[in-house]
Amino acid sequence: MKNGYTPKEFAHALIIDYIGGIYRDGAHWMDDKDLTNANIEMVKKHLKNLHEKLVEEARLETLPLRNN
C-alpha cells in the first residue's frame, strides 16, 4: 500500500485510532442516563485495554491513551 502499511496494519491503525477517539471524545455516549460514573470509568478502562491490546498485536507505535 502507498501509505506504508500492510492491509492488516492499516486495519489495526484505523480501529486503534477509532478507539482512541471514543476514549477521548466519547462525552456524547457518556450522557446516557443509565450510566453511572462508575460505569463510565469501567467502559473507559475496557477501551484503554482494547487499545493497548491492539497496539501490541499490530506492533505499531502509538501514544498511550491518557485520562483527560
Protein backbone atom coordinates (compact mmCIF):
# COMPACT_ATOMS: atom_id res chain seq x y z
CA MET A 1 0.00 0.00 0.00
CA LYS A 2 1.21 3.51 -0.72
CA ASN A 3 0.73 4.58 2.91
CA GLY A 4 3.48 2.21 4.08
CA TYR A 5 1.14 -0.15 5.92
CA THR A 6 0.16 -3.67 5.04
CA PRO A 7 -3.64 -4.04 4.76
CA LYS A 8 -3.69 -5.73 8.20
CA GLU A 9 -1.60 -2.96 9.79
CA PHE A 10 -3.81 -0.30 8.22
CA ALA A 11 -6.97 -2.00 9.52
CA HIS A 12 -5.44 -2.13 13.01
CA ALA A 13 -4.38 1.52 12.78
CA LEU A 14 -7.92 2.59 11.83
CA ILE A 15 -9.52 0.73 14.73
CA ILE A 16 -6.83 1.87 17.19
CA ASP A 17 -7.47 5.49 16.19
CA TYR A 18 -11.24 4.97 16.43
CA ILE A 19 -10.98 3.52 19.94
CA GLY A 20 -8.72 6.39 20.95
CA GLY A 21 -11.26 8.89 19.66
CA ILE A 22 -14.10 7.27 21.55
CA TYR A 23 -11.96 7.19 24.70
CA ARG A 24 -11.03 10.88 24.44
CA ASP A 25 -14.18 12.37 22.93
CA GLY A 26 -16.91 9.98 23.98
CA ALA A 27 -18.83 12.55 26.00
CA HIS A 28 -21.94 12.13 23.85
CA TRP A 29 -22.36 8.44 24.67
CA MET A 30 -21.49 9.06 28.32
CA ASP A 31 -24.56 11.28 28.68
CA ASP A 32 -26.73 8.16 28.73
CA LYS A 33 -28.86 8.37 31.87
CA ASP A 34 -28.32 4.65 32.57
CA LEU A 35 -24.57 5.11 33.04
CA THR A 36 -23.22 5.91 36.46
CA ASN A 37 -19.80 7.47 36.91
CA ALA A 38 -18.54 4.02 37.88
CA ASN A 39 -19.98 2.57 34.65
CA ILE A 40 -18.27 5.27 32.60
CA GLU A 41 -14.93 4.60 34.28
CA MET A 42 -15.25 0.87 33.63
CA VAL A 43 -16.10 1.46 29.96
CA LYS A 44 -13.08 3.74 29.64
CA LYS A 45 -10.89 1.13 31.33
CA HIS A 46 -12.03 -1.51 28.83
CA LEU A 47 -11.49 0.85 25.89
CA LYS A 48 -7.96 1.54 27.12
CA ASN A 49 -7.29 -2.19 27.49
CA LEU A 50 -8.58 -2.88 23.97
CA HIS A 51 -6.43 -0.07 22.62
CA GLU A 52 -3.29 -1.43 24.31
CA LYS A 53 -4.02 -5.00 23.18
CA LEU A 54 -4.49 -3.98 19.54
CA VAL A 55 -1.38 -1.77 19.56
CA GLU A 56 0.66 -4.66 20.92
CA GLU A 57 -0.85 -7.17 18.49
CA ALA A 58 -0.25 -4.92 15.49
CA ARG A 59 3.23 -3.98 16.68
CA LEU A 60 2.50 -0.36 15.86
CA GLU A 61 3.96 2.61 17.67
CA THR A 62 1.36 4.95 19.09
CA LEU A 63 0.92 7.20 22.08
CA PRO A 64 -0.81 5.64 25.08
CA LEU A 65 -4.28 6.81 25.99
CA ARG A 66 -4.36 9.31 28.85
CA ASN A 67 -7.21 10.45 31.04
CA ASN A 68 -8.43 13.96 30.22
